[in-house]
Amino acid sequence: MKQPQKIKTFLWYDGKAEEAAKFYTSLFDDSRIVEVTHYNEAHNEVAPGKTGAVLTVLFELAGQQFVALNGGPEFQFTEAISLQVDCGSQEEVDTLWAKLTADGGEEGPCGWLKDKYGVSWQIVPRRLFELLDEGAPAQAEAVTKAMLGMHKLDIAALEAAAKM
């Protein structure tokens, strides 16, 4: 039997936990809904009238477990926490960027975005870190300056900046 993941990211939604989990699991390989729990009669003291509604969704993204809770409108996501995705190609960056910003998502600077649920993501090509690490300090500075002027990160433009 597989050991449970010791630390899981817990995400609070206002009624859209299952919808969000289904969306996220559609984006990444090795992803799935593991378990859905529902409000029961005992929850009526804190959440009257929700008996039978989805309470939590345990899901995996690329093998990492997350829990989505339908906790209500009390708490909202902020950029103080984000999910960083290591992308192996520009195609992967472009695909995830398009899907995560669709239907009300928002582009942000330097590879950051918010999805339609308000969760912040960093869609980062692996090549960025290689360019920052492999050259002289002047190369890292040029790559950083190029990155700071972008929303969705562009590997070709980052490589061009590294050659200057």
N, C-alpha and C. Protein backbone atom coordinates (compact mmCIF):
# COMPACT_ATOMS: atom_id res chain seq x y z
N MET A 1 0.84 -1.19 0.00
CA MET A 1 0.00 0.00 0.00
C MET A 1 0.88 1.25 0.00
N LYS A 2 0.54 2.21 -0.83
CA LYS A 2 1.29 3.46 -0.94
C LYS A 2 1.12 4.28 0.33
N GLN A 3 2.25 4.79 0.85
CA GLN A 3 2.21 5.65 2.03
C GLN A 3 1.58 7.00 1.66
N PRO A 4 0.78 7.56 2.55
CA PRO A 4 0.21 8.87 2.25
C PRO A 4 1.31 9.93 2.22
N GLN A 5 1.11 10.94 1.40
CA GLN A 5 2.05 12.06 1.34
C GLN A 5 1.99 12.79 2.68
N LYS A 6 3.13 13.01 3.29
CA LYS A 6 3.16 13.59 4.63
C LYS A 6 2.65 15.03 4.67
N ILE A 7 3.03 15.84 3.69
CA ILE A 7 2.59 17.24 3.65
C ILE A 7 1.82 17.46 2.35
N LYS A 8 0.61 17.98 2.49
CA LYS A 8 -0.24 18.28 1.33
C LYS A 8 -0.57 19.76 1.32
N THR A 9 -0.66 20.34 0.13
CA THR A 9 -1.13 21.71 -0.01
C THR A 9 -2.65 21.70 0.10
N PHE A 10 -3.18 22.58 0.93
CA PHE A 10 -4.62 22.65 1.21
C PHE A 10 -5.14 23.95 0.63
N LEU A 11 -6.12 23.87 -0.25
CA LEU A 11 -6.65 25.03 -0.97
C LEU A 11 -8.11 25.26 -0.60
N TRP A 12 -8.47 26.47 -0.24
CA TRP A 12 -9.81 26.84 0.23
C TRP A 12 -10.58 27.49 -0.92
N TYR A 13 -11.72 26.94 -1.26
CA TYR A 13 -12.58 27.47 -2.33
C TYR A 13 -13.95 27.83 -1.79
N ASP A 14 -14.62 28.65 -2.53
CA ASP A 14 -16.00 29.03 -2.20
C ASP A 14 -16.94 28.25 -3.13
N GLY A 15 -17.14 26.97 -2.84
CA GLY A 15 -18.10 26.16 -3.59
C GLY A 15 -17.59 25.57 -4.89
N LYS A 16 -16.35 25.77 -5.25
CA LYS A 16 -15.84 25.30 -6.55
C LYS A 16 -14.67 24.32 -6.41
N ALA A 17 -14.54 23.67 -5.27
CA ALA A 17 -13.41 22.77 -5.02
C ALA A 17 -13.37 21.62 -6.03
N GLU A 18 -14.48 20.96 -6.25
CA GLU A 18 -14.49 19.83 -7.17
C GLU A 18 -14.26 20.29 -8.62
N GLU A 19 -14.88 21.38 -9.00
CA GLU A 19 -14.68 21.93 -10.34
C GLU A 19 -13.20 22.27 -10.58
N ALA A 20 -12.58 22.93 -9.59
CA ALA A 20 -11.17 23.29 -9.71
C ALA A 20 -10.29 22.05 -9.80
N ALA A 21 -10.53 21.06 -8.96
CA ALA A 21 -9.73 19.84 -8.97
C ALA A 21 -9.84 19.12 -10.31
N LYS A 22 -11.04 19.06 -10.86
CA LYS A 22 -11.22 18.44 -12.18
C LYS A 22 -10.46 19.22 -13.26
N PHE A 23 -10.51 20.54 -13.18
CA PHE A 23 -9.78 21.37 -14.14
C PHE A 23 -8.28 21.13 -14.03
N TYR A 24 -7.75 21.21 -12.83
CA TYR A 24 -6.31 21.04 -12.65
C TYR A 24 -5.83 19.65 -13.09
N THR A 25 -6.59 18.62 -12.75
CA THR A 25 -6.16 17.26 -13.12
C THR A 25 -6.21 17.04 -14.63
N SER A 26 -6.97 17.86 -15.34
CA SER A 26 -7.00 17.74 -16.80
C SER A 26 -5.75 18.33 -17.46
N LEU A 27 -4.97 19.12 -16.70
CA LEU A 27 -3.83 19.84 -17.25
C LEU A 27 -2.50 19.08 -17.20
N PHE A 28 -2.36 18.17 -16.26
CA PHE A 28 -1.07 17.54 -16.01
C PHE A 28 -1.15 16.02 -16.09
N ASP A 29 -0.10 15.43 -16.67
CA ASP A 29 0.03 13.97 -16.66
C ASP A 29 0.18 13.51 -15.21
N ASP A 30 -0.10 12.24 -14.97
CA ASP A 30 0.01 11.64 -13.64
C ASP A 30 -0.82 12.41 -12.62
N SER A 31 -2.06 12.75 -13.02
CA SER A 31 -2.97 13.51 -12.17
C SER A 31 -4.31 12.82 -12.10
N ARG A 32 -4.97 12.94 -10.94
CA ARG A 32 -6.27 12.27 -10.77
C ARG A 32 -6.98 12.78 -9.53
N ILE A 33 -8.29 12.57 -9.52
CA ILE A 33 -9.08 12.78 -8.31
C ILE A 33 -8.94 11.50 -7.49
N VAL A 34 -8.55 11.63 -6.24
CA VAL A 34 -8.33 10.46 -5.38
C VAL A 34 -9.57 10.16 -4.55
N GLU A 35 -10.16 11.21 -3.97
CA GLU A 35 -11.27 11.00 -3.04
C GLU A 35 -12.09 12.28 -2.93
N VAL A 36 -13.39 12.12 -2.80
CA VAL A 36 -14.30 13.24 -2.57
C VAL A 36 -15.08 12.95 -1.29
N THR A 37 -15.08 13.89 -0.36
CA THR A 37 -15.89 13.74 0.84
C THR A 37 -17.03 14.75 0.78
N HIS A 38 -18.06 14.50 1.58
CA HIS A 38 -19.25 15.35 1.56
C HIS A 38 -19.60 15.82 2.96
N TYR A 39 -20.23 16.98 3.02
CA TYR A 39 -20.76 17.46 4.29
C TYR A 39 -21.78 16.45 4.80
N ASN A 40 -21.76 16.20 6.12
CA ASN A 40 -22.76 15.31 6.72
C ASN A 40 -23.55 16.07 7.77
N GLU A 41 -24.46 15.39 8.42
CA GLU A 41 -25.35 16.04 9.40
C GLU A 41 -24.57 16.74 10.51
N ALA A 42 -23.42 16.19 10.90
CA ALA A 42 -22.63 16.79 11.98
C ALA A 42 -22.11 18.17 11.60
N HIS A 43 -21.95 18.44 10.31
CA HIS A 43 -21.48 19.75 9.86
C HIS A 43 -22.54 20.84 9.96
N ASN A 44 -23.81 20.45 10.20
CA ASN A 44 -24.90 21.44 10.20
C ASN A 44 -24.71 22.55 11.24
N GLU A 45 -23.94 22.28 12.30
CA GLU A 45 -23.70 23.32 13.30
C GLU A 45 -22.85 24.46 12.73
N VAL A 46 -21.94 24.13 11.82
CA VAL A 46 -21.06 25.15 11.25
C VAL A 46 -21.42 25.50 9.81
N ALA A 47 -22.12 24.61 9.13
CA ALA A 47 -22.49 24.82 7.73
C ALA A 47 -23.91 24.31 7.50
N PRO A 48 -24.91 25.01 8.05
CA PRO A 48 -26.29 24.54 7.93
C PRO A 48 -26.73 24.40 6.47
N GLY A 49 -27.46 23.33 6.20
CA GLY A 49 -28.05 23.13 4.89
C GLY A 49 -27.10 22.58 3.83
N LYS A 50 -25.88 22.26 4.20
CA LYS A 50 -24.93 21.76 3.21
C LYS A 50 -24.81 20.24 3.18
N THR A 51 -25.57 19.54 3.98
CA THR A 51 -25.47 18.09 4.02
C THR A 51 -25.56 17.51 2.61
N GLY A 52 -24.59 16.68 2.27
CA GLY A 52 -24.54 16.05 0.95
C GLY A 52 -23.70 16.79 -0.06
N ALA A 53 -23.41 18.09 0.17
CA ALA A 53 -22.57 18.86 -0.76
C ALA A 53 -21.11 18.44 -0.61
N VAL A 54 -20.32 18.67 -1.64
CA VAL A 54 -18.90 18.33 -1.59
C VAL A 54 -18.21 19.16 -0.51
N LEU A 55 -17.47 18.49 0.36
CA LEU A 55 -16.70 19.14 1.40
C LEU A 55 -15.23 19.27 0.96
N THR A 56 -14.60 18.13 0.67
CA THR A 56 -13.19 18.16 0.25
C THR A 56 -12.98 17.26 -0.97
N VAL A 57 -11.93 17.59 -1.72
CA VAL A 57 -11.51 16.78 -2.85
C VAL A 57 -10.01 16.58 -2.69
N LEU A 58 -9.60 15.32 -2.53
CA LEU A 58 -8.18 14.98 -2.52
C LEU A 58 -7.81 14.66 -3.97
N PHE A 59 -6.80 15.36 -4.49
CA PHE A 59 -6.40 15.13 -5.87
C PHE A 59 -4.89 15.18 -6.00
N GLU A 60 -4.40 14.62 -7.09
CA GLU A 60 -2.97 14.60 -7.37
C GLU A 60 -2.70 15.34 -8.67
N LEU A 61 -1.65 16.17 -8.65
CA LEU A 61 -1.15 16.83 -9.85
C LEU A 61 0.29 16.40 -10.02
N ALA A 62 0.57 15.75 -11.14
CA ALA A 62 1.92 15.26 -11.41
C ALA A 62 2.46 14.48 -10.20
N GLY A 63 1.59 13.69 -9.59
CA GLY A 63 1.98 12.84 -8.48
C GLY A 63 1.97 13.51 -7.11
N GLN A 64 1.75 14.84 -7.03
CA GLN A 64 1.72 15.55 -5.75
C GLN A 64 0.28 15.72 -5.29
N GLN A 65 0.04 15.45 -4.00
CA GLN A 65 -1.32 15.54 -3.49
C GLN A 65 -1.68 16.94 -3.01
N PHE A 66 -2.93 17.29 -3.25
CA PHE A 66 -3.53 18.55 -2.82
C PHE A 66 -4.90 18.22 -2.25
N VAL A 67 -5.38 19.07 -1.37
CA VAL A 67 -6.75 18.95 -0.86
C VAL A 67 -7.47 20.27 -1.16
N ALA A 68 -8.62 20.17 -1.80
CA ALA A 68 -9.47 21.33 -2.06
C ALA A 68 -10.67 21.26 -1.12
N LEU A 69 -10.95 22.35 -0.44
CA LEU A 69 -12.04 22.44 0.52
C LEU A 69 -13.06 23.45 0.04
N ASN A 70 -14.33 23.09 0.11
CA ASN A 70 -15.40 24.07 -0.09
C ASN A 70 -15.68 24.71 1.26
N GLY A 71 -14.92 25.75 1.58
CA GLY A 71 -15.00 26.36 2.90
C GLY A 71 -15.85 27.61 2.96
N GLY A 72 -16.24 28.14 1.79
CA GLY A 72 -17.06 29.35 1.78
C GLY A 72 -16.25 30.58 1.40
N PRO A 73 -16.89 31.74 1.46
CA PRO A 73 -16.28 32.98 0.96
C PRO A 73 -15.34 33.68 1.94
N GLU A 74 -15.17 33.13 3.12
CA GLU A 74 -14.42 33.84 4.16
C GLU A 74 -12.97 34.14 3.78
N PHE A 75 -12.28 33.21 3.08
CA PHE A 75 -10.88 33.41 2.74
C PHE A 75 -10.69 33.38 1.24
N GLN A 76 -9.78 34.21 0.75
CA GLN A 76 -9.46 34.29 -0.67
C GLN A 76 -7.97 33.99 -0.88
N PHE A 77 -7.63 33.56 -2.08
CA PHE A 77 -6.23 33.32 -2.42
C PHE A 77 -5.50 34.65 -2.61
N THR A 78 -4.20 34.66 -2.33
CA THR A 78 -3.34 35.80 -2.62
C THR A 78 -2.08 35.29 -3.31
N GLU A 79 -1.31 36.22 -3.85
CA GLU A 79 -0.05 35.88 -4.50
C GLU A 79 1.03 35.47 -3.50
N ALA A 80 0.74 35.56 -2.21
CA ALA A 80 1.73 35.16 -1.21
C ALA A 80 2.06 33.67 -1.31
N ILE A 81 1.17 32.91 -1.90
CA ILE A 81 1.39 31.48 -2.15
C ILE A 81 1.12 31.25 -3.63
N SER A 82 2.03 30.52 -4.28
CA SER A 82 1.82 30.17 -5.68
C SER A 82 2.33 28.77 -5.94
N LEU A 83 1.86 28.19 -7.03
CA LEU A 83 2.31 26.87 -7.46
C LEU A 83 3.23 27.07 -8.64
N GLN A 84 4.47 26.62 -8.52
CA GLN A 84 5.44 26.79 -9.60
C GLN A 84 5.50 25.51 -10.42
N VAL A 85 5.40 25.67 -11.74
CA VAL A 85 5.44 24.53 -12.66
C VAL A 85 6.73 24.60 -13.46
N ASP A 86 7.53 23.55 -13.39
CA ASP A 86 8.77 23.41 -14.14
C ASP A 86 8.42 22.91 -15.53
N CYS A 87 8.60 23.76 -16.54
CA CYS A 87 8.22 23.41 -17.91
C CYS A 87 9.46 23.09 -18.73
N GLY A 88 9.41 21.97 -19.45
CA GLY A 88 10.53 21.52 -20.24
C GLY A 88 10.63 22.12 -21.62
N SER A 89 9.60 22.85 -22.05
CA SER A 89 9.60 23.41 -23.41
C SER A 89 8.73 24.66 -23.48
N GLN A 90 8.93 25.42 -24.57
CA GLN A 90 8.07 26.59 -24.80
C GLN A 90 6.63 26.14 -25.06
N GLU A 91 6.48 25.01 -25.73
CA GLU A 91 5.13 24.49 -25.99
C GLU A 91 4.38 24.24 -24.69
N GLU A 92 5.07 23.67 -23.70
CA GLU A 92 4.42 23.43 -22.41
C GLU A 92 4.07 24.75 -21.72
N VAL A 93 4.98 25.71 -21.76
CA VAL A 93 4.71 27.03 -21.19
C VAL A 93 3.47 27.63 -21.86
N ASP A 94 3.45 27.62 -23.20
CA ASP A 94 2.34 28.22 -23.95
C ASP A 94 1.01 27.54 -23.64
N THR A 95 1.02 26.22 -23.60
CA THR A 95 -0.21 25.46 -23.36
C THR A 95 -0.77 25.73 -21.96
N LEU A 96 0.08 25.62 -20.94
CA LEU A 96 -0.39 25.86 -19.58
C LEU A 96 -0.81 27.31 -19.38
N TRP A 97 -0.07 28.23 -19.97
CA TRP A 97 -0.41 29.65 -19.85
C TRP A 97 -1.81 29.91 -20.42
N ALA A 98 -2.05 29.37 -21.59
CA ALA A 98 -3.34 29.58 -22.25
C ALA A 98 -4.48 28.97 -21.43
N LYS A 99 -4.29 27.77 -20.95
CA LYS A 99 -5.37 27.10 -20.21
C LYS A 99 -5.61 27.73 -18.84
N LEU A 100 -4.54 28.12 -18.16
CA LEU A 100 -4.71 28.68 -16.82
C LEU A 100 -5.20 30.13 -16.83
N THR A 101 -4.97 30.86 -17.92
CA THR A 101 -5.48 32.24 -17.98
C THR A 101 -6.85 32.32 -18.66
N ALA A 102 -7.34 31.21 -19.19
CA ALA A 102 -8.64 31.21 -19.88
C ALA A 102 -9.78 31.44 -18.89
N ASP A 103 -10.89 31.88 -19.41
CA ASP A 103 -12.15 32.00 -18.66
C ASP A 103 -12.04 32.84 -17.40
N GLY A 104 -11.30 33.93 -17.45
CA GLY A 104 -11.23 34.83 -16.31
C GLY A 104 -9.91 34.81 -15.56
N GLY A 105 -8.96 33.98 -15.99
CA GLY A 105 -7.63 34.04 -15.39
C GLY A 105 -6.95 35.34 -15.76
N GLU A 106 -5.87 35.68 -15.05
CA GLU A 106 -5.19 36.95 -15.27
C GLU A 106 -3.70 36.75 -15.44
N GLU A 107 -3.13 37.36 -16.47
CA GLU A 107 -1.69 37.34 -16.65
C GLU A 107 -1.04 38.24 -15.62
N GLY A 108 0.14 37.84 -15.18
CA GLY A 108 0.93 38.66 -14.28
C GLY A 108 2.33 38.78 -14.84
N PRO A 109 3.20 39.47 -14.12
CA PRO A 109 4.57 39.65 -14.60
C PRO A 109 5.45 38.43 -14.33
N CYS A 110 6.51 38.30 -15.12
CA CYS A 110 7.61 37.35 -14.86
C CYS A 110 7.17 35.89 -14.78
N GLY A 111 6.19 35.50 -15.60
CA GLY A 111 5.75 34.11 -15.61
C GLY A 111 4.68 33.77 -14.58
N TRP A 112 4.19 34.76 -13.87
CA TRP A 112 3.13 34.53 -12.88
C TRP A 112 1.77 34.78 -13.52
N LEU A 113 0.78 34.07 -13.02
CA LEU A 113 -0.60 34.28 -13.44
C LEU A 113 -1.53 33.85 -12.32
N LYS A 114 -2.78 34.26 -12.44
CA LYS A 114 -3.85 33.78 -11.56
C LYS A 114 -4.83 33.04 -12.44
N ASP A 115 -5.26 31.86 -11.99
CA ASP A 115 -6.27 31.13 -12.74
C ASP A 115 -7.66 31.68 -12.41
N LYS A 116 -8.67 31.12 -13.04
CA LYS A 116 -10.04 31.62 -12.86
C LYS A 116 -10.57 31.44 -11.44
N TYR A 117 -9.88 30.65 -10.61
CA TYR A 117 -10.29 30.45 -9.22
C TYR A 117 -9.52 31.36 -8.27
N GLY A 118 -8.54 32.10 -8.81
CA GLY A 118 -7.75 33.01 -7.99
C GLY A 118 -6.44 32.43 -7.50
N VAL A 119 -6.12 31.18 -7.86
CA VAL A 119 -4.87 30.56 -7.44
C VAL A 119 -3.73 31.12 -8.30
N SER A 120 -2.63 31.49 -7.65
CA SER A 120 -1.45 32.01 -8.36
C SER A 120 -0.54 30.86 -8.78
N TRP A 121 -0.04 30.98 -10.00
CA TRP A 121 0.86 29.98 -10.59
C TRP A 121 2.08 30.70 -11.15
N GLN A 122 3.20 30.02 -11.14
CA GLN A 122 4.40 30.46 -11.84
C GLN A 122 4.67 29.41 -12.92
N ILE A 123 4.57 29.80 -14.17
CA ILE A 123 4.80 28.89 -15.30
C ILE A 123 6.20 29.22 -15.82
N VAL A 124 7.16 28.39 -15.45
CA VAL A 124 8.57 28.72 -15.63
C VAL A 124 9.29 27.66 -16.48
N PRO A 125 9.90 28.09 -17.58
CA PRO A 125 10.68 27.15 -18.36
C PRO A 125 11.98 26.80 -17.60
N ARG A 126 12.29 25.53 -17.56
CA ARG A 126 13.52 25.05 -16.93
C ARG A 126 14.74 25.81 -17.47
N ARG A 127 14.67 26.18 -18.76
CA ARG A 127 15.79 26.86 -19.42
C ARG A 127 16.13 28.17 -18.72
N LEU A 128 15.16 28.85 -18.11
CA LEU A 128 15.44 30.10 -17.39
C LEU A 128 16.50 29.87 -16.33
N PHE A 129 16.34 28.85 -15.52
CA PHE A 129 17.28 28.58 -14.44
C PHE A 129 18.65 28.17 -14.99
N GLU A 130 18.66 27.45 -16.09
CA GLU A 130 19.93 27.09 -16.72
C GLU A 130 20.67 28.35 -17.17
N LEU A 131 19.96 29.26 -17.81
CA LEU A 131 20.58 30.50 -18.28
C LEU A 131 21.08 31.36 -17.13
N LEU A 132 20.37 31.36 -16.03
CA LEU A 132 20.79 32.15 -14.87
C LEU A 132 22.02 31.55 -14.20
N ASP A 133 22.18 30.24 -14.30
CA ASP A 133 23.27 29.55 -13.61
C ASP A 133 24.52 29.32 -14.45
N GLU A 134 24.40 29.25 -15.76
CA GLU A 134 25.51 28.77 -16.58
C GLU A 134 26.52 29.81 -17.00
N GLY A 135 26.19 31.05 -16.96
CA GLY A 135 27.08 32.07 -17.51
C GLY A 135 27.67 33.00 -16.46
N ALA A 136 28.29 34.02 -16.95
CA ALA A 136 28.87 35.05 -16.10
C ALA A 136 27.75 35.88 -15.46
N PRO A 137 28.08 36.64 -14.42
CA PRO A 137 27.07 37.50 -13.78
C PRO A 137 26.38 38.44 -14.77
N ALA A 138 27.09 38.91 -15.77
CA ALA A 138 26.47 39.81 -16.75
C ALA A 138 25.38 39.10 -17.53
N GLN A 139 25.57 37.81 -17.81
CA GLN A 139 24.55 37.03 -18.52
C GLN A 139 23.31 36.88 -17.64
N ALA A 140 23.51 36.54 -16.38
CA ALA A 140 22.37 36.40 -15.46
C ALA A 140 21.61 37.71 -15.35
N GLU A 141 22.34 38.81 -15.31
CA GLU A 141 21.69 40.13 -15.23
C GLU A 141 20.87 40.43 -16.48
N ALA A 142 21.42 40.10 -17.66
CA ALA A 142 20.70 40.35 -18.91
C ALA A 142 19.45 39.47 -19.01
N VAL A 143 19.57 38.22 -18.59
CA VAL A 143 18.42 37.30 -18.63
C VAL A 143 17.35 37.77 -17.64
N THR A 144 17.78 38.18 -16.47
CA THR A 144 16.84 38.68 -15.46
C THR A 144 16.11 39.91 -15.96
N LYS A 145 16.85 40.83 -16.56
CA LYS A 145 16.23 42.05 -17.09
C LYS A 145 15.19 41.70 -18.16
N ALA A 146 15.52 40.75 -19.04
CA ALA A 146 14.56 40.33 -20.07
C ALA A 146 13.32 39.72 -19.43
N MET A 147 13.52 38.85 -18.44
CA MET A 147 12.41 38.20 -17.75
C MET A 147 11.49 39.22 -17.09
N LEU A 148 12.08 40.24 -16.48
CA LEU A 148 11.29 41.25 -15.78
C LEU A 148 10.37 42.04 -16.71
N GLY A 149 10.67 42.02 -18.00
CA GLY A 149 9.83 42.72 -18.97
C GLY A 149 8.76 41.84 -19.61
N MET A 150 8.67 40.61 -19.18
CA MET A 150 7.73 39.66 -19.80
C MET A 150 6.56 39.36 -18.87
N HIS A 151 5.48 38.92 -19.49
CA HIS A 151 4.40 38.26 -18.75
C HIS A 151 4.66 36.76 -18.91
N LYS A 152 4.16 36.14 -19.98
CA LYS A 152 4.48 34.74 -20.26
C LYS A 152 5.95 34.69 -20.66
N LEU A 153 6.70 33.77 -20.09
CA LEU A 153 8.13 33.69 -20.37
C LEU A 153 8.38 33.07 -21.74
N ASP A 154 9.34 33.66 -22.45
CA ASP A 154 9.68 33.27 -23.82
C ASP A 154 11.12 32.79 -23.84
N ILE A 155 11.30 31.49 -24.03
CA ILE A 155 12.64 30.89 -23.99
C ILE A 155 13.56 31.52 -25.03
N ALA A 156 13.10 31.69 -26.26
CA ALA A 156 13.95 32.26 -27.31
C ALA A 156 14.42 33.66 -26.94
N ALA A 157 13.55 34.46 -26.38
CA ALA A 157 13.93 35.82 -25.98
C ALA A 157 14.90 35.79 -24.81
N LEU A 158 14.72 34.86 -23.89
CA LEU A 158 15.65 34.73 -22.77
C LEU A 158 17.03 34.29 -23.26
N GLU A 159 17.06 33.36 -24.22
CA GLU A 159 18.33 32.91 -24.80
C GLU A 159 19.01 34.04 -25.56
N ALA A 160 18.23 34.83 -26.29
CA ALA A 160 18.79 35.98 -27.02
C ALA A 160 19.40 36.97 -26.04
N ALA A 161 18.75 37.22 -24.92
CA ALA A 161 19.28 38.14 -23.92
C ALA A 161 20.59 37.61 -23.33
N ALA A 162 20.68 36.29 -23.19
CA ALA A 162 21.89 35.68 -22.63
C ALA A 162 23.10 35.86 -23.54
N LYS A 163 22.86 36.03 -24.84
CA LYS A 163 23.95 36.16 -25.82
C LYS A 163 24.46 37.60 -25.94
N MET A 164 23.78 38.53 -25.34
CA MET A 164 24.16 39.96 -25.47
C MET A 164 25.37 40.27 -24.62
